[in-house]
N, C-alpha and C. Protein backbone atom coordinates (compact mmCIF):
# COMPACT_ATOMS: atom_id res chain seq x y z
N MET A 1 -16.26 17.34 -38.59
CA MET A 1 -14.83 17.29 -38.76
C MET A 1 -14.15 16.83 -37.47
N ALA A 2 -14.50 17.46 -36.37
CA ALA A 2 -13.88 17.09 -35.10
C ALA A 2 -14.28 15.68 -34.69
N ALA A 3 -15.54 15.31 -34.93
CA ALA A 3 -15.99 13.97 -34.56
C ALA A 3 -15.26 12.91 -35.39
N GLU A 4 -15.03 13.20 -36.65
CA GLU A 4 -14.30 12.26 -37.49
C GLU A 4 -12.88 12.06 -36.98
N PHE A 5 -12.24 13.16 -36.55
CA PHE A 5 -10.88 13.07 -36.01
C PHE A 5 -10.85 12.21 -34.75
N LEU A 6 -11.85 12.42 -33.87
CA LEU A 6 -11.89 11.64 -32.63
C LEU A 6 -12.12 10.17 -32.91
N ILE A 7 -13.01 9.86 -33.84
CA ILE A 7 -13.26 8.46 -34.17
C ILE A 7 -12.02 7.82 -34.77
N GLU A 8 -11.38 8.55 -35.69
CA GLU A 8 -10.16 8.04 -36.31
C GLU A 8 -9.07 7.85 -35.26
N HIS A 9 -8.97 8.78 -34.31
CA HIS A 9 -7.96 8.71 -33.26
C HIS A 9 -8.22 7.51 -32.34
N GLU A 10 -9.50 7.27 -32.00
CA GLU A 10 -9.83 6.12 -31.17
C GLU A 10 -9.48 4.81 -31.86
N VAL A 11 -9.73 4.73 -33.16
CA VAL A 11 -9.42 3.52 -33.90
C VAL A 11 -7.91 3.28 -33.89
N ARG A 12 -7.12 4.35 -34.10
CA ARG A 12 -5.68 4.19 -34.07
C ARG A 12 -5.21 3.72 -32.69
N ASP A 13 -5.78 4.29 -31.64
CA ASP A 13 -5.40 3.90 -30.29
C ASP A 13 -5.76 2.44 -30.03
N ARG A 14 -6.92 2.01 -30.49
CA ARG A 14 -7.35 0.64 -30.27
C ARG A 14 -6.45 -0.33 -31.05
N ASP A 15 -6.07 0.05 -32.23
CA ASP A 15 -5.22 -0.82 -33.04
C ASP A 15 -3.82 -0.96 -32.44
N SER A 16 -3.32 0.10 -31.80
CA SER A 16 -1.96 0.04 -31.25
C SER A 16 -1.93 -0.65 -29.89
N GLY A 17 -3.09 -0.95 -29.30
CA GLY A 17 -3.13 -1.60 -28.01
C GLY A 17 -3.11 -0.61 -26.85
N PHE A 18 -3.05 0.68 -27.17
CA PHE A 18 -3.01 1.71 -26.13
C PHE A 18 -4.43 2.03 -25.70
N THR A 19 -4.67 2.02 -24.41
CA THR A 19 -5.99 2.40 -23.91
C THR A 19 -5.82 3.40 -22.78
N TRP A 20 -6.73 4.33 -22.74
CA TRP A 20 -6.68 5.34 -21.68
C TRP A 20 -7.00 4.73 -20.33
N TYR A 21 -7.68 3.60 -20.32
CA TYR A 21 -8.00 2.93 -19.06
C TYR A 21 -6.71 2.56 -18.32
N ARG A 22 -5.73 2.06 -19.04
CA ARG A 22 -4.46 1.71 -18.41
C ARG A 22 -3.75 2.93 -17.87
N VAL A 23 -3.80 4.02 -18.59
CA VAL A 23 -3.15 5.25 -18.13
C VAL A 23 -3.82 5.74 -16.86
N ARG A 24 -5.14 5.75 -16.84
CA ARG A 24 -5.86 6.18 -15.64
C ARG A 24 -5.55 5.28 -14.46
N ARG A 25 -5.45 3.99 -14.70
CA ARG A 25 -5.14 3.05 -13.61
C ARG A 25 -3.75 3.30 -13.04
N VAL A 26 -2.79 3.55 -13.90
CA VAL A 26 -1.42 3.83 -13.44
C VAL A 26 -1.39 5.15 -12.68
N VAL A 27 -2.07 6.17 -13.19
CA VAL A 27 -2.09 7.47 -12.50
C VAL A 27 -2.75 7.32 -11.13
N MET A 28 -3.85 6.58 -11.06
CA MET A 28 -4.51 6.36 -9.77
C MET A 28 -3.59 5.61 -8.81
N LEU A 29 -2.87 4.64 -9.32
CA LEU A 29 -1.94 3.88 -8.48
C LEU A 29 -0.84 4.78 -7.93
N VAL A 30 -0.26 5.61 -8.78
CA VAL A 30 0.81 6.51 -8.34
C VAL A 30 0.29 7.51 -7.32
N VAL A 31 -0.86 8.10 -7.58
CA VAL A 31 -1.41 9.10 -6.66
C VAL A 31 -1.76 8.48 -5.32
N THR A 32 -2.39 7.31 -5.32
CA THR A 32 -2.78 6.70 -4.05
C THR A 32 -1.57 6.21 -3.26
N THR A 33 -0.57 5.65 -3.94
CA THR A 33 0.60 5.18 -3.19
C THR A 33 1.38 6.34 -2.61
N LEU A 34 1.54 7.41 -3.38
CA LEU A 34 2.24 8.59 -2.84
C LEU A 34 1.44 9.25 -1.72
N GLY A 35 0.11 9.27 -1.87
CA GLY A 35 -0.73 9.82 -0.81
C GLY A 35 -0.64 9.01 0.47
N ALA A 36 -0.67 7.69 0.35
CA ALA A 36 -0.54 6.84 1.54
C ALA A 36 0.83 7.01 2.18
N GLY A 37 1.87 7.11 1.37
CA GLY A 37 3.21 7.33 1.91
C GLY A 37 3.31 8.66 2.63
N PHE A 38 2.71 9.71 2.07
CA PHE A 38 2.75 11.03 2.70
C PHE A 38 1.99 11.03 4.02
N VAL A 39 0.82 10.42 4.05
CA VAL A 39 0.01 10.40 5.28
C VAL A 39 0.72 9.60 6.37
N THR A 40 1.23 8.42 6.03
CA THR A 40 1.91 7.60 7.03
C THR A 40 3.19 8.27 7.52
N SER A 41 3.95 8.86 6.63
CA SER A 41 5.18 9.54 7.03
C SER A 41 4.87 10.75 7.92
N SER A 42 3.80 11.46 7.62
CA SER A 42 3.39 12.58 8.47
C SER A 42 3.00 12.10 9.86
N ALA A 43 2.30 10.97 9.92
CA ALA A 43 1.90 10.41 11.22
C ALA A 43 3.13 9.98 12.02
N ILE A 44 4.10 9.36 11.35
CA ILE A 44 5.33 8.94 12.04
C ILE A 44 6.07 10.15 12.58
N ASN A 45 6.26 11.16 11.74
CA ASN A 45 6.98 12.36 12.19
C ASN A 45 6.25 13.06 13.32
N GLY A 46 4.93 13.14 13.23
CA GLY A 46 4.17 13.78 14.29
C GLY A 46 4.25 13.03 15.61
N ALA A 47 4.15 11.70 15.56
CA ALA A 47 4.21 10.91 16.78
C ALA A 47 5.59 10.96 17.42
N VAL A 48 6.64 10.87 16.60
CA VAL A 48 8.00 10.93 17.14
C VAL A 48 8.28 12.31 17.72
N ALA A 49 7.88 13.36 17.02
CA ALA A 49 8.10 14.72 17.53
C ALA A 49 7.35 14.94 18.84
N ARG A 50 6.12 14.45 18.92
CA ARG A 50 5.36 14.59 20.16
C ARG A 50 5.99 13.77 21.28
N SER A 51 6.48 12.58 20.95
CA SER A 51 7.15 11.75 21.96
C SER A 51 8.38 12.46 22.51
N TRP A 52 9.20 13.02 21.63
CA TRP A 52 10.40 13.72 22.07
C TRP A 52 10.05 14.96 22.88
N GLN A 53 8.99 15.66 22.46
CA GLN A 53 8.59 16.87 23.17
C GLN A 53 8.02 16.54 24.56
N ASP A 54 7.17 15.54 24.64
CA ASP A 54 6.56 15.18 25.92
C ASP A 54 7.57 14.63 26.91
N CYS A 55 8.54 13.87 26.42
CA CYS A 55 9.55 13.30 27.31
C CYS A 55 10.75 14.23 27.49
N ARG A 56 10.76 15.32 26.76
CA ARG A 56 11.83 16.33 26.83
C ARG A 56 13.22 15.71 26.63
N VAL A 57 13.31 14.88 25.58
CA VAL A 57 14.59 14.26 25.27
C VAL A 57 15.15 14.76 23.94
N GLY A 58 14.38 15.53 23.19
CA GLY A 58 14.85 16.04 21.91
C GLY A 58 15.72 17.27 22.10
N GLY A 59 16.43 17.57 21.07
CA GLY A 59 17.30 18.75 21.10
C GLY A 59 16.89 19.75 20.04
N PRO A 60 17.72 20.76 19.84
CA PRO A 60 17.37 21.78 18.86
C PRO A 60 17.40 21.28 17.42
N GLY A 61 18.06 20.17 17.13
CA GLY A 61 18.14 19.67 15.77
C GLY A 61 17.09 18.65 15.42
N GLU A 62 16.10 18.44 16.28
CA GLU A 62 15.13 17.38 16.02
C GLU A 62 14.27 17.65 14.80
N GLY A 63 13.95 18.90 14.52
CA GLY A 63 13.14 19.21 13.35
C GLY A 63 13.84 18.83 12.06
N PHE A 64 15.14 19.12 11.98
CA PHE A 64 15.91 18.77 10.78
C PHE A 64 16.05 17.26 10.64
N THR A 65 16.22 16.58 11.76
CA THR A 65 16.31 15.11 11.73
C THR A 65 15.02 14.51 11.20
N LEU A 66 13.89 15.00 11.68
CA LEU A 66 12.61 14.48 11.22
C LEU A 66 12.37 14.82 9.76
N LEU A 67 12.81 15.99 9.33
CA LEU A 67 12.66 16.36 7.92
C LEU A 67 13.46 15.43 7.02
N LEU A 68 14.67 15.08 7.44
CA LEU A 68 15.49 14.17 6.65
C LEU A 68 14.90 12.76 6.60
N MET A 69 14.14 12.39 7.59
CA MET A 69 13.54 11.06 7.63
C MET A 69 12.19 11.01 6.92
N PHE A 70 11.59 12.16 6.67
CA PHE A 70 10.25 12.19 6.07
C PHE A 70 10.23 11.58 4.68
N ILE A 71 11.15 11.96 3.82
CA ILE A 71 11.13 11.49 2.44
C ILE A 71 11.43 10.00 2.33
N PRO A 72 12.46 9.46 3.02
CA PRO A 72 12.64 8.00 2.95
C PRO A 72 11.45 7.22 3.51
N ASN A 73 10.86 7.72 4.59
CA ASN A 73 9.68 7.04 5.14
C ASN A 73 8.55 7.02 4.12
N ALA A 74 8.30 8.16 3.48
CA ALA A 74 7.23 8.24 2.48
C ALA A 74 7.53 7.31 1.31
N ALA A 75 8.79 7.23 0.91
CA ALA A 75 9.15 6.36 -0.21
C ALA A 75 8.95 4.89 0.14
N ILE A 76 9.34 4.49 1.34
CA ILE A 76 9.19 3.09 1.74
C ILE A 76 7.71 2.70 1.81
N VAL A 77 6.90 3.55 2.41
CA VAL A 77 5.47 3.23 2.52
C VAL A 77 4.81 3.25 1.14
N SER A 78 5.22 4.18 0.28
CA SER A 78 4.67 4.21 -1.08
C SER A 78 5.01 2.95 -1.84
N LEU A 79 6.23 2.48 -1.70
CA LEU A 79 6.61 1.23 -2.36
C LEU A 79 5.81 0.05 -1.80
N TRP A 80 5.56 0.06 -0.49
CA TRP A 80 4.76 -1.01 0.11
C TRP A 80 3.35 -1.02 -0.47
N TRP A 81 2.74 0.17 -0.57
CA TRP A 81 1.39 0.25 -1.13
C TRP A 81 1.39 -0.15 -2.61
N ALA A 82 2.45 0.20 -3.33
CA ALA A 82 2.54 -0.22 -4.74
C ALA A 82 2.63 -1.74 -4.83
N ALA A 83 3.41 -2.36 -3.96
CA ALA A 83 3.51 -3.83 -3.95
C ALA A 83 2.16 -4.45 -3.58
N SER A 84 1.46 -3.85 -2.63
CA SER A 84 0.14 -4.36 -2.25
C SER A 84 -0.83 -4.25 -3.42
N SER A 85 -0.75 -3.14 -4.14
CA SER A 85 -1.61 -2.96 -5.31
C SER A 85 -1.27 -3.96 -6.40
N TRP A 86 0.01 -4.21 -6.59
CA TRP A 86 0.42 -5.19 -7.60
C TRP A 86 -0.12 -6.58 -7.24
N ILE A 87 -0.04 -6.93 -5.96
CA ILE A 87 -0.56 -8.24 -5.52
C ILE A 87 -2.07 -8.29 -5.75
N GLY A 88 -2.76 -7.20 -5.40
CA GLY A 88 -4.20 -7.16 -5.60
C GLY A 88 -4.59 -7.27 -7.06
N TYR A 89 -3.88 -6.55 -7.93
CA TYR A 89 -4.19 -6.61 -9.36
C TYR A 89 -3.77 -7.93 -9.98
N SER A 90 -2.77 -8.59 -9.41
CA SER A 90 -2.32 -9.86 -9.99
C SER A 90 -3.32 -10.99 -9.76
N LEU A 91 -4.28 -10.77 -8.86
CA LEU A 91 -5.33 -11.78 -8.68
C LEU A 91 -6.17 -11.91 -9.94
N GLY A 92 -6.24 -10.82 -10.70
CA GLY A 92 -6.89 -10.83 -12.01
C GLY A 92 -8.32 -11.33 -11.98
N ALA A 93 -8.65 -12.20 -12.91
CA ALA A 93 -10.02 -12.69 -13.06
C ALA A 93 -10.38 -13.72 -12.01
N ARG A 94 -9.39 -14.18 -11.24
CA ARG A 94 -9.68 -15.19 -10.23
C ARG A 94 -10.51 -14.63 -9.08
N ALA A 95 -10.45 -13.31 -8.89
CA ALA A 95 -11.17 -12.70 -7.77
C ALA A 95 -11.99 -11.52 -8.28
N SER A 96 -13.05 -11.22 -7.57
CA SER A 96 -13.88 -10.08 -7.96
C SER A 96 -13.16 -8.78 -7.61
N THR A 97 -13.68 -7.70 -8.11
CA THR A 97 -13.08 -6.39 -7.85
C THR A 97 -13.10 -6.07 -6.37
N ALA A 98 -14.19 -6.41 -5.69
CA ALA A 98 -14.28 -6.14 -4.25
C ALA A 98 -13.20 -6.89 -3.47
N VAL A 99 -12.94 -8.12 -3.84
CA VAL A 99 -11.91 -8.90 -3.16
C VAL A 99 -10.53 -8.31 -3.42
N ARG A 100 -10.29 -7.89 -4.66
CA ARG A 100 -8.99 -7.28 -4.97
C ARG A 100 -8.78 -6.01 -4.17
N TRP A 101 -9.79 -5.15 -4.08
CA TRP A 101 -9.65 -3.91 -3.30
C TRP A 101 -9.48 -4.22 -1.81
N MET A 102 -10.15 -5.27 -1.33
CA MET A 102 -9.99 -5.66 0.07
C MET A 102 -8.57 -6.12 0.34
N VAL A 103 -8.01 -6.92 -0.56
CA VAL A 103 -6.63 -7.39 -0.40
C VAL A 103 -5.67 -6.21 -0.39
N ILE A 104 -5.85 -5.27 -1.32
CA ILE A 104 -4.99 -4.09 -1.38
C ILE A 104 -5.11 -3.28 -0.09
N SER A 105 -6.32 -3.06 0.38
CA SER A 105 -6.53 -2.25 1.59
C SER A 105 -5.94 -2.91 2.84
N VAL A 106 -6.17 -4.21 2.99
CA VAL A 106 -5.68 -4.90 4.18
C VAL A 106 -4.15 -4.98 4.18
N LEU A 107 -3.57 -5.36 3.05
CA LEU A 107 -2.11 -5.44 2.98
C LEU A 107 -1.45 -4.07 3.16
N GLY A 108 -1.99 -3.07 2.49
CA GLY A 108 -1.42 -1.73 2.60
C GLY A 108 -1.54 -1.16 4.00
N SER A 109 -2.71 -1.31 4.61
CA SER A 109 -2.91 -0.78 5.97
C SER A 109 -2.05 -1.51 6.99
N ALA A 110 -1.96 -2.83 6.87
CA ALA A 110 -1.12 -3.60 7.80
C ALA A 110 0.34 -3.19 7.66
N GLY A 111 0.80 -2.99 6.45
CA GLY A 111 2.18 -2.56 6.25
C GLY A 111 2.43 -1.16 6.80
N SER A 112 1.48 -0.25 6.60
CA SER A 112 1.63 1.11 7.11
C SER A 112 1.66 1.12 8.64
N LEU A 113 0.75 0.38 9.26
CA LEU A 113 0.73 0.32 10.73
C LEU A 113 1.98 -0.35 11.28
N GLY A 114 2.42 -1.40 10.62
CA GLY A 114 3.66 -2.08 11.04
C GLY A 114 4.86 -1.17 10.92
N PHE A 115 4.94 -0.40 9.85
CA PHE A 115 6.06 0.52 9.67
C PHE A 115 6.00 1.64 10.70
N PHE A 116 4.79 2.14 11.00
CA PHE A 116 4.62 3.17 12.02
C PHE A 116 5.12 2.65 13.37
N TRP A 117 4.72 1.43 13.74
CA TRP A 117 5.15 0.87 15.02
C TRP A 117 6.66 0.67 15.05
N MET A 118 7.23 0.15 13.95
CA MET A 118 8.67 -0.07 13.90
C MET A 118 9.45 1.24 14.07
N MET A 119 8.98 2.29 13.43
CA MET A 119 9.67 3.58 13.55
C MET A 119 9.52 4.15 14.96
N MET A 120 8.38 3.94 15.59
CA MET A 120 8.22 4.41 16.98
C MET A 120 9.11 3.62 17.92
N VAL A 121 9.24 2.32 17.71
CA VAL A 121 10.14 1.51 18.54
C VAL A 121 11.57 2.02 18.40
N TRP A 122 11.96 2.35 17.19
CA TRP A 122 13.33 2.77 16.94
C TRP A 122 13.59 4.20 17.39
N LEU A 123 12.61 5.10 17.23
CA LEU A 123 12.88 6.52 17.42
C LEU A 123 12.28 7.15 18.66
N HIS A 124 11.47 6.44 19.42
CA HIS A 124 10.84 7.10 20.57
C HIS A 124 11.86 7.52 21.61
N ASP A 125 12.99 6.83 21.64
CA ASP A 125 14.05 7.10 22.61
C ASP A 125 15.32 7.43 21.83
N PRO A 126 15.97 8.56 22.11
CA PRO A 126 17.17 8.89 21.35
C PRO A 126 18.35 7.98 21.63
N GLY A 127 18.24 7.12 22.60
CA GLY A 127 19.30 6.15 22.88
C GLY A 127 20.29 6.66 23.90
N GLY A 128 21.26 5.85 24.17
CA GLY A 128 22.25 6.22 25.17
C GLY A 128 21.70 6.10 26.57
N ASN A 129 22.26 6.85 27.47
CA ASN A 129 21.81 6.83 28.87
C ASN A 129 20.90 8.00 29.18
N VAL A 130 20.23 8.51 28.18
CA VAL A 130 19.32 9.63 28.39
C VAL A 130 18.04 9.10 28.99
N SER A 131 17.71 9.58 30.16
CA SER A 131 16.44 9.19 30.77
C SER A 131 15.67 10.46 31.11
N SER A 132 14.39 10.33 31.14
CA SER A 132 13.54 11.48 31.37
C SER A 132 12.67 11.22 32.58
N GLU A 133 12.61 12.20 33.45
CA GLU A 133 11.73 12.06 34.61
C GLU A 133 10.28 12.35 34.24
N TYR A 134 10.04 12.81 33.02
CA TYR A 134 8.69 13.15 32.59
C TYR A 134 7.94 11.97 31.99
N CYS A 135 8.65 10.93 31.64
CA CYS A 135 8.02 9.77 31.00
C CYS A 135 8.21 8.53 31.85
N ARG A 136 7.47 7.50 31.51
CA ARG A 136 7.59 6.24 32.20
C ARG A 136 8.99 5.68 31.97
N PRO A 137 9.30 4.56 32.58
CA PRO A 137 10.61 3.96 32.34
C PRO A 137 10.85 3.73 30.84
N GLU A 138 12.10 3.81 30.47
CA GLU A 138 12.55 3.63 29.10
C GLU A 138 12.03 4.71 28.15
N ASN A 139 11.70 5.87 28.69
CA ASN A 139 11.26 7.03 27.90
C ASN A 139 10.05 6.76 27.02
N ILE A 140 9.13 5.97 27.50
CA ILE A 140 7.89 5.73 26.76
C ILE A 140 6.93 6.86 27.10
N PRO A 141 6.41 7.56 26.08
CA PRO A 141 5.54 8.71 26.36
C PRO A 141 4.27 8.29 27.09
N PRO A 142 3.70 9.17 27.90
CA PRO A 142 2.52 8.81 28.69
C PRO A 142 1.28 8.52 27.83
N TRP A 143 1.19 9.04 26.66
CA TRP A 143 0.01 8.83 25.82
C TRP A 143 0.08 7.53 25.03
N TRP A 144 1.23 6.86 25.03
CA TRP A 144 1.36 5.61 24.27
C TRP A 144 0.60 4.51 25.00
N PRO A 145 -0.24 3.72 24.31
CA PRO A 145 -1.01 2.66 24.98
C PRO A 145 -0.07 1.60 25.59
N SER A 146 -0.37 1.19 26.80
CA SER A 146 0.51 0.23 27.49
C SER A 146 0.44 -1.16 26.88
N TRP A 147 -0.62 -1.48 26.15
CA TRP A 147 -0.75 -2.80 25.57
C TRP A 147 0.02 -2.96 24.26
N ILE A 148 0.59 -1.88 23.74
CA ILE A 148 1.44 -1.95 22.54
C ILE A 148 2.87 -1.77 23.01
N PRO A 149 3.71 -2.79 22.87
CA PRO A 149 5.09 -2.68 23.37
C PRO A 149 5.93 -1.72 22.53
N LEU A 150 6.81 -1.04 23.25
CA LEU A 150 7.79 -0.16 22.58
C LEU A 150 9.18 -0.60 22.96
């Protein structure tokens, strides 16, 4: 009885064009893009907070400021990964699965690293005439690599 129901249900799903494969692919896409956005946003907030702490330029409201920036940062990076995934999937039959995953990984990682660098350039220094005797010129934290400009 149960097997007949499952077979009948599969036939109905196949006839309507609905496949569980598509649902799983969409769920995987949503989970991975949100995960990448969360990880990148956490890295940005951690680096900016450490920069402000090491250079002693932050104030008592820095935690709330970083909290307000966490969600937009995660959303932007998630959208970037979704766009990278769309580009990778749009290659379709022209490319193998390995090439599509490579395109998604390279585009997504490059976008995440670029966004991380852009946010550090913008937020490492609170602006104004605030200078810190604890950091190098222009309030660049001592742990930041000198070969990456800020």
